[in-house]
N, C-alpha and C. Protein backbone atom coordinates (compact mmCIF):
# COMPACT_ATOMS: atom_id res chain seq x y z
N MET A 1 -17.96 -11.96 -6.13
CA MET A 1 -16.32 -11.86 -6.34
C MET A 1 -15.74 -11.73 -7.58
N LYS A 2 -14.84 -10.88 -7.57
CA LYS A 2 -14.15 -10.60 -8.82
C LYS A 2 -13.05 -11.38 -9.24
N ALA A 3 -12.93 -11.64 -10.59
CA ALA A 3 -12.19 -12.68 -11.07
C ALA A 3 -10.69 -12.12 -11.08
N ARG A 4 -10.03 -13.32 -10.80
CA ARG A 4 -8.54 -13.16 -10.38
C ARG A 4 -7.94 -12.85 -11.99
N ILE A 5 -7.22 -11.35 -11.53
CA ILE A 5 -6.18 -11.21 -12.50
C ILE A 5 -5.12 -11.87 -12.68
N ILE A 6 -4.76 -12.47 -13.76
CA ILE A 6 -3.16 -13.32 -14.13
C ILE A 6 -2.61 -12.89 -15.51
N LEU A 7 -1.57 -12.35 -15.15
CA LEU A 7 -0.89 -11.89 -16.32
C LEU A 7 0.52 -12.28 -16.28
N GLU A 8 1.10 -12.86 -17.44
CA GLU A 8 2.42 -13.52 -17.33
C GLU A 8 3.26 -12.82 -18.26
N GLN A 9 4.38 -12.81 -18.10
CA GLN A 9 5.68 -12.16 -18.72
C GLN A 9 6.80 -13.31 -18.90
N LYS A 10 7.12 -13.65 -20.10
CA LYS A 10 8.24 -14.48 -20.61
C LYS A 10 9.50 -14.11 -20.94
N HIS A 11 10.74 -14.31 -20.33
CA HIS A 11 12.00 -13.73 -20.96
C HIS A 11 12.44 -14.76 -21.86
N ASN A 12 12.24 -14.40 -23.31
CA ASN A 12 12.42 -15.68 -24.36
C ASN A 12 13.70 -15.88 -24.26
N ALA A 13 14.85 -15.27 -24.13
CA ALA A 13 16.37 -15.75 -23.73
C ALA A 13 16.51 -17.00 -23.04
N THR A 14 16.19 -16.76 -21.70
CA THR A 14 16.36 -17.59 -20.52
C THR A 14 15.10 -18.49 -20.25
N GLY A 15 13.97 -18.14 -20.76
CA GLY A 15 12.86 -18.89 -20.30
C GLY A 15 12.39 -18.71 -18.95
N THR A 16 12.55 -17.93 -18.37
CA THR A 16 12.21 -17.24 -17.20
C THR A 16 10.88 -16.60 -17.21
N THR A 17 9.99 -17.11 -16.65
CA THR A 17 8.55 -16.46 -16.40
C THR A 17 8.15 -15.99 -15.14
N ILE A 18 7.61 -14.84 -15.30
CA ILE A 18 6.98 -14.15 -13.88
C ILE A 18 5.49 -13.79 -14.21
N PHE A 19 4.86 -14.27 -12.89
CA PHE A 19 3.33 -14.06 -12.90
C PHE A 19 3.03 -12.67 -12.33
N LEU A 20 2.03 -11.86 -12.61
CA LEU A 20 1.59 -10.85 -11.79
C LEU A 20 0.15 -11.29 -11.69
N ALA A 21 -0.31 -11.29 -10.32
CA ALA A 21 -1.80 -11.86 -10.00
C ALA A 21 -2.36 -11.04 -8.88
N SER A 22 -3.72 -10.87 -9.13
CA SER A 22 -4.27 -10.27 -7.52
C SER A 22 -4.20 -11.44 -6.72
N MET A 23 -4.09 -10.65 -5.23
CA MET A 23 -3.90 -11.53 -4.06
C MET A 23 -4.95 -11.74 -3.23
N GLU A 24 -4.94 -12.54 -2.56
CA GLU A 24 -5.82 -12.61 -1.33
C GLU A 24 -4.88 -12.27 -0.26
N GLU A 25 -5.96 -12.20 1.04
CA GLU A 25 -5.33 -11.79 2.42
C GLU A 25 -3.96 -12.45 2.96
N GLU A 26 -3.81 -13.84 2.76
CA GLU A 26 -2.66 -14.33 3.14
C GLU A 26 -1.44 -14.27 2.17
N HIS A 27 -1.59 -13.94 1.06
CA HIS A 27 -0.38 -13.46 0.24
C HIS A 27 0.13 -12.18 0.65
N LEU A 28 -0.90 -11.17 1.13
CA LEU A 28 -0.51 -9.83 1.26
C LEU A 28 -0.09 -9.75 2.76
N ARG A 29 -0.10 -10.97 3.69
CA ARG A 29 0.60 -10.80 4.80
C ARG A 29 1.96 -11.58 4.84
N HIS A 30 2.01 -12.37 3.56
CA HIS A 30 3.29 -13.06 3.14
C HIS A 30 4.26 -11.87 2.93
N LEU A 31 3.81 -11.01 2.19
CA LEU A 31 4.67 -10.05 1.48
C LEU A 31 4.86 -8.95 2.91
N ILE A 32 3.99 -8.98 3.92
CA ILE A 32 4.42 -7.78 4.73
C ILE A 32 5.31 -8.70 5.70
N LYS A 33 5.16 -9.98 5.79
CA LYS A 33 6.72 -10.82 6.16
C LYS A 33 8.02 -10.39 5.65
N LEU A 34 7.70 -10.49 4.21
CA LEU A 34 9.02 -10.03 3.42
C LEU A 34 9.49 -8.63 3.67
N ALA A 35 8.47 -7.74 3.71
CA ALA A 35 9.00 -6.38 3.92
C ALA A 35 9.71 -6.04 5.00
N GLN A 36 9.73 -6.70 5.97
CA GLN A 36 10.32 -6.57 7.39
C GLN A 36 12.00 -6.35 7.27
N ASP A 37 12.46 -6.20 5.89
CA ASP A 37 13.85 -6.49 5.71
C ASP A 37 14.28 -4.85 5.96
N PRO A 38 15.35 -4.51 6.67
CA PRO A 38 15.77 -3.24 6.84
C PRO A 38 16.27 -2.46 5.72
N ASP A 39 16.91 -3.22 5.02
CA ASP A 39 17.47 -2.60 3.78
C ASP A 39 16.52 -1.89 2.84
N LEU A 40 15.05 -2.59 3.20
CA LEU A 40 14.07 -2.08 2.40
C LEU A 40 13.72 -0.28 2.47
N ILE A 41 13.97 0.02 3.77
CA ILE A 41 13.72 1.18 4.43
C ILE A 41 14.76 2.04 3.21
N ASN A 42 15.66 2.26 3.01
CA ASN A 42 16.45 3.08 2.01
C ASN A 42 15.94 2.79 0.78
N LEU A 43 15.75 1.75 0.53
CA LEU A 43 15.29 1.45 -1.36
C LEU A 43 13.86 2.01 -1.58
N MET A 44 13.26 1.69 -0.55
CA MET A 44 11.70 2.05 -0.85
C MET A 44 11.09 3.32 -0.28
N GLY A 45 12.19 4.09 0.86
CA GLY A 45 11.54 5.24 1.39
C GLY A 45 10.29 5.02 2.30
N TRP A 46 10.07 4.08 2.72
CA TRP A 46 9.10 3.88 3.71
C TRP A 46 9.42 3.00 4.87
N ASN A 47 8.78 3.09 5.97
CA ASN A 47 8.99 1.98 7.15
C ASN A 47 8.46 0.77 6.76
N PRO A 48 9.03 -0.34 6.33
CA PRO A 48 8.20 -1.54 6.06
C PRO A 48 7.77 -2.41 7.20
N PHE A 49 7.77 -1.84 8.43
CA PHE A 49 7.62 -2.70 9.55
C PHE A 49 6.14 -2.80 10.10
N PHE A 50 5.14 -3.35 9.34
CA PHE A 50 3.79 -3.45 9.45
C PHE A 50 3.47 -4.67 10.19
N GLU A 51 2.44 -4.80 10.94
CA GLU A 51 2.04 -5.98 11.59
C GLU A 51 1.04 -6.74 10.48
N LEU A 52 1.42 -8.25 10.68
CA LEU A 52 0.64 -9.07 9.78
C LEU A 52 -0.90 -8.56 9.29
N ASP A 53 -1.50 -7.94 9.98
CA ASP A 53 -3.04 -7.91 9.82
C ASP A 53 -3.09 -6.39 9.09
N GLU A 54 -1.97 -5.61 9.01
CA GLU A 54 -2.07 -4.19 8.73
C GLU A 54 -1.91 -4.14 6.77
N THR A 55 -2.93 -5.15 6.35
CA THR A 55 -2.89 -5.40 4.97
C THR A 55 -3.26 -4.11 4.30
N GLU A 56 -4.48 -3.32 4.76
CA GLU A 56 -4.94 -1.80 4.21
C GLU A 56 -3.73 -0.87 4.29
N GLU A 57 -2.85 -0.89 5.49
CA GLU A 57 -1.80 0.03 5.78
C GLU A 57 -0.64 -0.26 4.62
N PHE A 58 -0.54 -1.67 4.67
CA PHE A 58 0.64 -2.03 3.50
C PHE A 58 0.45 -1.67 2.42
N ILE A 59 -0.96 -1.70 1.83
CA ILE A 59 -1.58 -1.15 0.47
C ILE A 59 -1.46 0.19 0.45
N GLU A 60 -1.81 1.06 1.14
CA GLU A 60 -1.74 2.24 1.46
C GLU A 60 -0.18 2.80 1.12
N ALA A 61 0.61 2.36 1.87
CA ALA A 61 2.20 2.54 1.70
C ALA A 61 2.59 2.25 0.53
N ILE A 62 2.33 1.36 -0.01
CA ILE A 62 2.86 1.17 -1.63
C ILE A 62 2.21 1.96 -2.74
N SER A 63 1.09 2.41 -2.24
CA SER A 63 0.42 3.12 -3.00
C SER A 63 0.40 4.75 -3.24
N CYS A 64 1.43 5.31 -2.26
CA CYS A 64 1.55 6.59 -2.20
C CYS A 64 2.04 6.88 -3.67
N TYR A 65 1.63 8.14 -3.86
CA TYR A 65 2.10 8.83 -5.50
C TYR A 65 2.72 10.02 -5.20
N ALA A 66 3.56 10.29 -5.92
CA ALA A 66 4.37 11.62 -6.11
C ALA A 66 4.26 12.59 -7.19
N LEU A 67 3.73 12.31 -8.27
CA LEU A 67 4.00 13.01 -9.61
C LEU A 67 2.58 13.75 -9.46
N PRO A 68 3.12 14.98 -10.32
CA PRO A 68 2.12 16.28 -10.34
C PRO A 68 0.55 15.92 -10.74
N TYR A 69 0.53 14.89 -12.01
CA TYR A 69 -0.41 14.34 -12.71
C TYR A 69 -1.49 13.50 -12.16
N SER A 70 -0.92 12.68 -11.09
CA SER A 70 -1.51 11.92 -10.33
C SER A 70 -2.58 12.46 -9.28
N GLN A 71 -3.69 11.21 -9.20
CA GLN A 71 -4.59 11.81 -8.54
C GLN A 71 -5.39 10.32 -7.66
N LYS A 72 -5.71 11.03 -6.32
CA LYS A 72 -6.40 9.53 -5.65
C LYS A 72 -7.33 8.77 -6.62
N SER A 73 -6.77 7.64 -6.27
CA SER A 73 -7.67 6.47 -7.00
C SER A 73 -7.49 5.17 -6.37
N GLN A 74 -8.29 4.14 -6.79
CA GLN A 74 -8.16 2.86 -6.39
C GLN A 74 -6.72 2.24 -6.82
N PRO A 75 -5.97 1.55 -6.23
CA PRO A 75 -4.74 1.21 -7.04
C PRO A 75 -5.03 -0.29 -7.29
N ILE A 76 -4.47 -0.49 -8.46
CA ILE A 76 -4.35 -2.01 -8.80
C ILE A 76 -2.81 -2.69 -8.25
N VAL A 77 -3.07 -3.45 -7.19
CA VAL A 77 -1.93 -4.19 -6.62
C VAL A 77 -2.19 -5.52 -7.08
N LEU A 78 -1.00 -6.06 -7.43
CA LEU A 78 -0.89 -7.51 -7.90
C LEU A 78 0.60 -7.85 -7.19
N GLY A 79 0.54 -9.35 -6.99
CA GLY A 79 1.53 -10.02 -6.31
C GLY A 79 2.47 -10.37 -7.57
N MET A 80 3.75 -10.53 -7.46
CA MET A 80 4.77 -11.10 -8.40
C MET A 80 5.15 -12.22 -7.95
N TYR A 81 4.79 -13.54 -8.82
CA TYR A 81 4.89 -14.85 -8.47
C TYR A 81 5.89 -15.57 -9.39
N LEU A 82 6.35 -16.44 -9.25
CA LEU A 82 7.19 -17.31 -9.79
C LEU A 82 6.06 -18.67 -10.60
N GLU A 83 5.28 -18.92 -9.76
CA GLU A 83 3.99 -19.74 -10.20
C GLU A 83 2.83 -19.06 -9.46
N PRO A 84 1.87 -19.19 -10.19
CA PRO A 84 0.58 -18.28 -9.90
C PRO A 84 0.04 -18.81 -8.30
N GLU A 85 0.08 -20.15 -8.08
CA GLU A 85 -0.46 -20.49 -6.98
C GLU A 85 0.31 -20.76 -5.64
N GLU A 86 1.75 -19.88 -6.14
CA GLU A 86 2.76 -20.37 -4.56
C GLU A 86 2.54 -18.73 -4.05
N SER A 87 3.40 -18.73 -3.01
CA SER A 87 3.49 -17.29 -2.29
C SER A 87 4.31 -16.26 -3.31
N PRO A 88 3.95 -15.13 -3.00
CA PRO A 88 4.60 -14.00 -4.16
C PRO A 88 5.69 -13.65 -3.76
N ILE A 89 6.75 -13.18 -4.63
CA ILE A 89 8.27 -12.88 -4.12
C ILE A 89 8.16 -11.17 -4.21
N GLY A 90 6.96 -10.66 -4.41
CA GLY A 90 7.00 -9.29 -4.46
C GLY A 90 5.63 -8.56 -5.18
N TYR A 91 5.77 -7.36 -5.43
CA TYR A 91 4.51 -6.77 -6.05
C TYR A 91 4.60 -5.97 -6.97
N ALA A 92 3.72 -5.55 -7.65
CA ALA A 92 3.61 -4.35 -8.65
C ALA A 92 2.42 -3.83 -8.45
N VAL A 93 2.28 -2.55 -8.76
CA VAL A 93 1.36 -1.38 -8.42
C VAL A 93 1.04 -0.49 -9.34
N LEU A 94 -0.34 -0.20 -9.83
CA LEU A 94 -0.28 1.02 -10.53
C LEU A 94 -1.29 1.82 -9.53
N LYS A 95 -0.65 3.05 -9.49
CA LYS A 95 -1.43 4.13 -8.61
C LYS A 95 -1.48 5.52 -9.11
N GLY A 96 -1.98 6.06 -8.25
CA GLY A 96 -2.56 7.35 -8.99
C GLY A 96 -3.12 7.54 -10.26
N LEU A 97 -3.99 6.57 -10.53
CA LEU A 97 -4.37 6.58 -12.02
C LEU A 97 -5.43 7.89 -12.05
N ASN A 98 -4.91 8.64 -13.43
CA ASN A 98 -5.50 9.75 -13.68
C ASN A 98 -6.49 9.30 -15.05
N MET A 99 -7.82 8.96 -15.01
CA MET A 99 -8.42 8.39 -16.16
C MET A 99 -8.85 9.67 -16.98
N ASP A 100 -8.63 10.84 -16.87
CA ASP A 100 -8.81 12.02 -17.47
C ASP A 100 -7.79 12.19 -18.43
N LEU A 101 -6.44 12.11 -17.81
CA LEU A 101 -5.41 12.34 -18.47
C LEU A 101 -4.52 11.29 -19.27
N LEU A 102 -5.18 10.01 -18.66
CA LEU A 102 -4.76 8.58 -19.10
C LEU A 102 -3.34 8.64 -18.70
N THR A 103 -3.16 8.97 -17.47
CA THR A 103 -1.46 8.62 -16.78
C THR A 103 -1.65 7.73 -15.45
N ALA A 104 -0.71 7.35 -14.93
CA ALA A 104 -0.78 6.36 -13.92
C ALA A 104 0.84 6.38 -13.44
N GLU A 105 1.05 6.09 -12.15
CA GLU A 105 2.54 5.86 -11.68
C GLU A 105 2.53 4.20 -11.17
N VAL A 106 3.75 3.70 -11.65
CA VAL A 106 3.99 2.35 -11.34
C VAL A 106 4.92 2.41 -10.15
N GLY A 107 4.74 1.28 -9.38
CA GLY A 107 5.77 1.00 -8.34
C GLY A 107 5.77 -0.57 -8.18
N LEU A 108 6.92 -1.22 -8.05
CA LEU A 108 7.23 -2.53 -8.04
C LEU A 108 8.63 -2.81 -6.99
N ALA A 109 8.35 -4.17 -6.67
CA ALA A 109 9.70 -4.37 -5.60
C ALA A 109 9.60 -5.85 -5.42
N VAL A 110 10.63 -6.18 -5.64
CA VAL A 110 11.02 -7.78 -5.25
C VAL A 110 11.59 -7.82 -3.88
N LEU A 111 10.52 -8.19 -2.82
CA LEU A 111 10.61 -7.95 -1.62
C LEU A 111 11.65 -9.23 -1.04
N ASP A 112 11.37 -10.38 -1.86
CA ASP A 112 12.03 -11.54 -1.18
C ASP A 112 13.55 -11.36 -1.67
N ARG A 113 14.42 -11.28 -0.54
CA ARG A 113 15.88 -11.04 -0.91
C ARG A 113 16.49 -12.25 -1.97
N LYS A 114 16.33 -13.22 -1.82
CA LYS A 114 16.67 -14.16 -2.66
C LYS A 114 16.53 -14.33 -4.08
N TYR A 115 15.34 -13.35 -4.67
CA TYR A 115 15.28 -13.26 -5.89
C TYR A 115 15.42 -11.89 -6.28
N ARG A 116 16.11 -11.05 -5.62
CA ARG A 116 16.58 -9.58 -6.06
C ARG A 116 17.78 -9.75 -7.17
N THR A 117 17.73 -8.60 -7.79
CA THR A 117 18.58 -8.65 -8.76
C THR A 117 19.14 -9.81 -9.78
N ARG A 118 17.90 -10.29 -10.01
CA ARG A 118 18.08 -11.68 -11.03
C ARG A 118 16.81 -11.54 -12.08
N GLY A 119 16.56 -10.37 -12.46
CA GLY A 119 15.71 -9.89 -13.59
C GLY A 119 14.16 -9.94 -13.40
N TYR A 120 13.74 -10.42 -12.20
CA TYR A 120 12.42 -10.59 -11.98
C TYR A 120 11.30 -9.55 -11.92
N GLY A 121 12.29 -8.29 -11.41
CA GLY A 121 11.70 -7.24 -11.32
C GLY A 121 11.42 -6.65 -12.79
N ARG A 122 12.36 -6.72 -13.62
CA ARG A 122 12.21 -5.94 -14.86
C ARG A 122 11.09 -6.89 -15.83
N LEU A 123 11.06 -8.18 -15.74
CA LEU A 123 9.88 -8.82 -16.25
C LEU A 123 8.47 -8.42 -15.61
N GLY A 124 8.50 -8.16 -14.40
CA GLY A 124 7.33 -7.80 -13.83
C GLY A 124 6.88 -6.34 -13.96
N LEU A 125 7.90 -5.44 -14.39
CA LEU A 125 7.75 -4.11 -14.86
C LEU A 125 7.16 -4.05 -16.12
N LYS A 126 7.88 -5.02 -17.13
CA LYS A 126 7.30 -4.93 -18.52
C LYS A 126 6.01 -5.35 -18.62
N ARG A 127 5.52 -6.38 -17.75
CA ARG A 127 4.28 -7.08 -17.83
C ARG A 127 3.16 -5.90 -17.11
N ILE A 128 3.43 -4.97 -16.30
CA ILE A 128 2.31 -4.17 -15.72
C ILE A 128 2.07 -3.28 -16.85
N VAL A 129 3.27 -2.79 -17.63
CA VAL A 129 3.43 -1.57 -18.39
C VAL A 129 2.33 -2.05 -19.41
N LYS A 130 2.56 -3.20 -19.88
CA LYS A 130 1.89 -3.59 -21.06
C LYS A 130 0.46 -3.77 -20.78
N TYR A 131 0.38 -4.19 -19.58
CA TYR A 131 -1.33 -4.25 -19.04
C TYR A 131 -1.94 -2.78 -19.09
N ALA A 132 -0.89 -1.72 -18.35
CA ALA A 132 -1.30 -0.43 -18.36
C ALA A 132 -1.94 0.07 -19.59
N PHE A 133 -1.12 -0.02 -20.74
CA PHE A 133 -1.28 0.52 -21.90
C PHE A 133 -2.43 -0.44 -22.81
N GLU A 134 -2.27 -1.58 -22.79
CA GLU A 134 -3.11 -2.28 -23.55
C GLU A 134 -4.52 -2.59 -22.98
N GLU A 135 -4.57 -2.63 -21.44
CA GLU A 135 -5.93 -3.05 -20.94
C GLU A 135 -6.68 -1.82 -20.52
N LEU A 136 -5.84 -0.88 -19.89
CA LEU A 136 -6.30 0.20 -19.44
C LEU A 136 -6.27 1.50 -20.13
N HIS A 137 -5.72 1.50 -21.16
CA HIS A 137 -5.46 2.53 -22.31
C HIS A 137 -4.56 3.81 -21.70
N ILE A 138 -4.10 3.38 -20.91
CA ILE A 138 -2.97 4.72 -20.28
C ILE A 138 -2.18 5.07 -21.22
N LYS A 139 -1.74 6.38 -21.51
CA LYS A 139 -0.79 6.89 -22.44
C LYS A 139 0.49 7.28 -21.91
N THR A 140 0.49 7.35 -20.63
CA THR A 140 1.80 8.06 -19.92
C THR A 140 1.93 7.25 -18.62
N ILE A 141 3.08 6.67 -18.34
CA ILE A 141 3.12 5.95 -17.03
C ILE A 141 4.42 6.45 -16.38
N GLY A 142 4.32 6.92 -15.12
CA GLY A 142 5.48 7.60 -14.48
C GLY A 142 5.91 6.77 -13.41
N ALA A 143 7.34 6.83 -13.15
CA ALA A 143 7.67 6.26 -11.87
C ALA A 143 8.60 7.24 -11.12
N ALA A 144 8.46 7.31 -9.90
CA ALA A 144 9.12 8.34 -8.84
C ALA A 144 9.93 7.41 -7.93
N ILE A 145 11.27 7.46 -8.09
CA ILE A 145 12.37 6.43 -7.48
C ILE A 145 13.35 7.56 -6.77
N LEU A 146 13.69 7.15 -5.65
CA LEU A 146 14.47 7.54 -4.64
C LEU A 146 15.90 7.66 -5.65
N LEU A 147 16.66 9.07 -5.47
CA LEU A 147 17.64 9.11 -6.42
C LEU A 147 18.67 8.26 -5.94
N PHE A 148 18.90 7.58 -4.91
CA PHE A 148 20.10 7.00 -4.61
C PHE A 148 19.69 5.67 -4.83
N ASN A 149 18.45 5.26 -5.28
CA ASN A 149 18.15 3.71 -5.64
C ASN A 149 18.40 3.35 -7.34
N ARG A 150 19.87 3.40 -7.31
CA ARG A 150 20.21 3.26 -8.90
C ARG A 150 19.60 2.13 -9.70
N GLY A 151 19.40 0.88 -8.64
CA GLY A 151 19.12 -0.41 -9.19
C GLY A 151 17.57 -0.24 -9.92
N SER A 152 16.86 0.31 -9.39
CA SER A 152 15.44 0.85 -10.12
C SER A 152 15.48 1.71 -11.10
N ILE A 153 16.42 3.04 -10.96
CA ILE A 153 16.52 3.85 -12.13
C ILE A 153 16.95 2.97 -13.37
N ASN A 154 17.96 2.34 -13.13
CA ASN A 154 18.63 1.57 -14.17
C ASN A 154 17.46 0.66 -14.93
N MET A 155 16.58 -0.30 -13.92
CA MET A 155 15.75 -1.21 -14.26
C MET A 155 14.61 -0.54 -15.44
N CYS A 156 14.26 0.61 -14.71
CA CYS A 156 13.28 1.57 -15.49
C CYS A 156 13.87 2.08 -16.84
N LYS A 157 15.09 2.52 -17.10
CA LYS A 157 15.72 2.90 -18.31
C LYS A 157 15.99 1.81 -19.13
N LYS A 158 16.10 0.72 -18.87
CA LYS A 158 16.28 -0.70 -19.36
C LYS A 158 14.97 -0.97 -20.18
N THR A 159 13.59 -0.50 -19.36
CA THR A 159 12.50 -0.79 -19.92
C THR A 159 11.83 0.50 -20.80
N GLY A 160 12.66 1.23 -20.76
CA GLY A 160 12.25 2.48 -21.80
C GLY A 160 11.74 3.71 -21.19
N PHE A 161 11.92 3.69 -19.91
CA PHE A 161 11.76 4.85 -19.05
C PHE A 161 12.78 6.01 -19.53
N VAL A 162 12.28 7.36 -19.68
CA VAL A 162 13.15 8.09 -19.70
C VAL A 162 12.96 9.19 -18.52
N GLU A 163 14.51 9.59 -18.22
CA GLU A 163 14.37 10.91 -17.07
C GLU A 163 13.66 12.12 -17.35
N ARG A 164 12.78 12.56 -16.72
CA ARG A 164 12.12 13.64 -16.81
C ARG A 164 12.62 14.95 -16.21
N GLU A 165 12.84 14.72 -14.39
CA GLU A 165 13.02 15.65 -13.59
C GLU A 165 13.70 15.13 -12.17
N ILE A 166 14.58 15.68 -11.77
CA ILE A 166 14.91 15.24 -10.39
C ILE A 166 13.88 16.25 -9.48
N MET A 167 13.46 15.86 -8.70
CA MET A 167 12.47 16.38 -7.47
C MET A 167 13.37 16.53 -6.06
N ARG A 168 13.81 17.73 -6.11
CA ARG A 168 14.37 17.90 -4.68
C ARG A 168 13.85 17.96 -3.54
N ASN A 169 14.26 17.24 -2.61
CA ASN A 169 13.57 17.54 -1.39
C ASN A 169 12.23 16.93 -1.38
N SER A 170 11.70 15.86 -1.98
CA SER A 170 10.39 15.72 -2.47
C SER A 170 9.78 14.51 -1.80
N TRP A 171 10.48 13.67 -1.21
CA TRP A 171 10.03 12.45 -0.40
C TRP A 171 10.50 12.59 1.24
N THR A 172 9.49 12.22 2.12
CA THR A 172 9.92 12.19 3.49
C THR A 172 10.04 10.99 4.02
N MET A 173 11.45 10.57 4.27
CA MET A 173 11.86 9.35 4.62
C MET A 173 11.31 9.06 6.12
N PRO A 174 11.43 7.71 6.57
CA PRO A 174 10.97 7.25 7.98
C PRO A 174 11.57 7.99 8.87
N ASP A 175 12.75 8.33 8.95
CA ASP A 175 13.29 9.28 9.83
C ASP A 175 12.99 11.01 10.04
N GLY A 176 12.20 11.40 8.74
CA GLY A 176 11.78 12.64 8.96
C GLY A 176 12.65 13.25 7.97
N ASP A 177 13.99 12.89 7.38
CA ASP A 177 14.66 13.73 6.51
C ASP A 177 13.91 13.46 5.10
N LEU A 178 14.39 14.57 4.35
CA LEU A 178 13.83 14.85 2.69
C LEU A 178 14.70 14.40 1.84
N ALA A 179 14.27 13.64 0.92
CA ALA A 179 15.21 12.77 -0.21
C ALA A 179 14.61 13.20 -1.34
N ASP A 180 15.50 13.35 -2.42
CA ASP A 180 15.42 13.69 -4.09
C ASP A 180 14.81 12.36 -4.39
N MET A 181 14.08 12.79 -5.61
CA MET A 181 13.48 11.52 -6.35
C MET A 181 13.88 11.73 -7.59
N MET A 182 13.78 10.87 -8.67
CA MET A 182 13.78 10.92 -10.24
C MET A 182 12.48 10.61 -10.71
N TRP A 183 12.00 11.56 -11.36
CA TRP A 183 10.81 11.80 -12.09
C TRP A 183 11.17 10.97 -13.47
N MET A 184 10.68 9.80 -13.63
CA MET A 184 10.96 9.23 -14.87
C MET A 184 9.46 8.82 -15.83
N GLU A 185 9.54 8.68 -16.86
CA GLU A 185 8.21 8.39 -17.63
C GLU A 185 8.60 7.22 -18.90
N LEU A 186 7.33 6.80 -19.38
CA LEU A 186 7.34 5.68 -20.48
C LEU A 186 5.89 6.24 -21.20
N THR A 187 6.03 6.33 -22.27
CA THR A 187 4.72 6.45 -23.10
C THR A 187 4.60 5.24 -24.20
N GLU A 188 3.43 5.38 -24.52
CA GLU A 188 3.40 4.30 -25.72
C GLU A 188 4.42 4.05 -26.68
N ALA A 189 4.55 5.79 -27.36
CA ALA A 189 5.69 5.88 -28.30
C ALA A 189 6.88 5.55 -27.93
N LEU A 190 7.38 5.59 -26.76
CA LEU A 190 8.49 5.47 -26.34
C LEU A 190 8.98 4.05 -26.18
N LEU A 191 7.83 3.28 -25.69
CA LEU A 191 7.83 1.77 -25.73
C LEU A 191 8.08 1.14 -27.32
N LYS A 192 7.13 1.59 -28.16
CA LYS A 192 7.19 1.15 -29.43
C LYS A 192 8.61 1.40 -30.11
N ASN A 193 9.46 2.14 -29.60
CA ASN A 193 10.86 2.62 -30.28
C ASN A 193 11.88 1.48 -29.88
C-alpha cells in the first residue's frame, strides 16, 4: 500500500489551513455527490453527473488535459480537506505530466458549494504548485480554464500565473458546443518574483 500524501498550506493572515491528501474510494464517492451541482457544468466544462461507483470515470474527467505540451500520464489526484480525516470539500489534480519537458497541467475545484469563494481554492492551488515544483521538479505548470470562468482565471493570476493564449473553440462542452479556453502558465521564476 502506498503511503498517504498529506500536504498542508496555511494562510498566515487568517490562520486558515487547507490540506491536500490522497483519497480512498469513499472520499471519491463523496466528491461525486458534491459534483452533482448543475452550476459546475458551466464552470468545469464537463458533465458532473456520475454514478457513485464511477470513481475511475470521475478521475478521468478531472484529468483531461488541453495544453500542447501535455501528455498522457498517471494523474496525481488529491482531495482538498479542512481536516485530513474529514470528507473532502474539493480536489486538486496534476495531469498531463510530461517528465521530458518537466511540465504539467493543474486542475482544481472546490465542489462543496458552502466553501466556494472563501479562499480555499487559492490555498489548495498554492500548495499543489509548491508540491509540483519542489517534489516533482516540474519547471512549468499550465492551467487551461474556460474563458467565462473568471473566478478561476483571477485565482490563477493572484497565484502568479500569466496569460499565454486564448485557445478558441478548444473545449467541447457537454451540450456539444465549443468553448474558448484561457491558457495560463506559472514557472518557478515567476513564482519567485
